[in-house]
């Protein structure tokens, strides 16, 4: 794991190369005050402050200064310094005016690498250290970077090395570090207590057997919250087999579990005054003679019977049993993360998690937190009029609606059946993946919605 703490350090007057930030509105005024040789160089480079992430090096004898364009100097984004952290020479740097704020996160994450499987590692490029006068912010940014990197790394690991047992190991490591209680239910006990989880995972080999992983942390008298993460370690689609193009990145289908583990880590590191209940149903949706079939009917933990319309709608099945278990402890709040539907991506693209909530106040808190920490999401409705399309002719409910439209909404409505009506609940249908590289954000596993949910929890419980 990258040592993020060494990349963001307090300002104690140490030597650091200046970084001048400009935007399209401030550049003309700034450049007029620069030495003539700077103005000539910037004109030759056609640097005008209008293209975010563009930067230029200003020579100073044997040293140099940096000028970098950002979109809005008055409201720095998380990623506006990321290109610099990827490309500058090693050494220490400091903003010439102001503090990095949340832009420090991009500086840190731009220097994280996932190269465990490369026979030749990337050449050592040295560290780029950012000096900050916001001492209170440093620890916060380091923790957020560690949590984001955890999501990325867990999702990027190939499915052969990230099965249900490996998710259990990740939860066990967190429990050991934090003196939390870990409970794992598998085998016959799983089939009896969590039949939907068992049904989805029963086609896998014994080494990749399904299980429900639970972690509890915190004081018993503190407000109880439940965090649930979809842990489908690989999704073939089951007997409703996916096309190869869709199956190619299905190692990421445990991205909800990765988000839930990272969020639990943040809650514990910040010691939020909550009683945390983390639940990860971990399975592989495989194919064998034991696979569950379209047309099967399975009784859920809650008692509702579910007719299987599509074996590729497996994520909502395992979440249903986990949500039912979470509700039994009467939590004050439930949040689940899941790489649940392609429909959410069709509607919102890869960057925006679809957020659903059965409580308007909770939805408003999530949306406000997302804007504040630059971790966007978009609320979609739990549209009651669609609920009838989940009716079954032979069971209480079907797991997929008989229409290609509104797939993300139908999935959320299915999950809602397993949440107590008086329990505030939010569901994030996230992609957990980045299709193309951006500054500070490599192609591959990605945390989307993690910081927004943590910021909401922090405001609810740490600042009350």
Foldseek 3Di string as FASTA:
>chain_A
DDPLLQQEAACPPDDAAEEEEDAQVCQVVVLVPDDPVVVVVCVVVVPRLHDQLDKDWADDDVDTHIYGHHHDPVDGALARCLSVLQDPAADEYEYPDDFCVNVSLSSRLSPDDDCPPPPDDDPDRHGYHYYGNPVVCSVVSSLVNVLFVLLQNLLFDALVCNAPVNLLVLVVVLCVVQVKDKDKDFDPRCCVQFVLLQQQAVFDDPVRHKIKIKIKDADPPFFEEEEEFEAACAEQQEPLGDDPVVRVSRNNQRSQSSLLSSLVSVCRVVVFRYTYMYIYTTHHRDYDPSHDDQQDWIQGNVRFIEHENTSSQSRLSNLLNVQLVSCVVPGQEYETEGLGDPQQCVVPNQQAWEKEKLDVVLVVLLQVLCVVSVQHYHYDYLDVVCLVQQPDPVTRGYSAGPDPPPGVSSSVNSSVVRHDNPHIYMYTNHNQFDCPDDRSRHGGGGDHSSSSVSSSSCVVGVVD
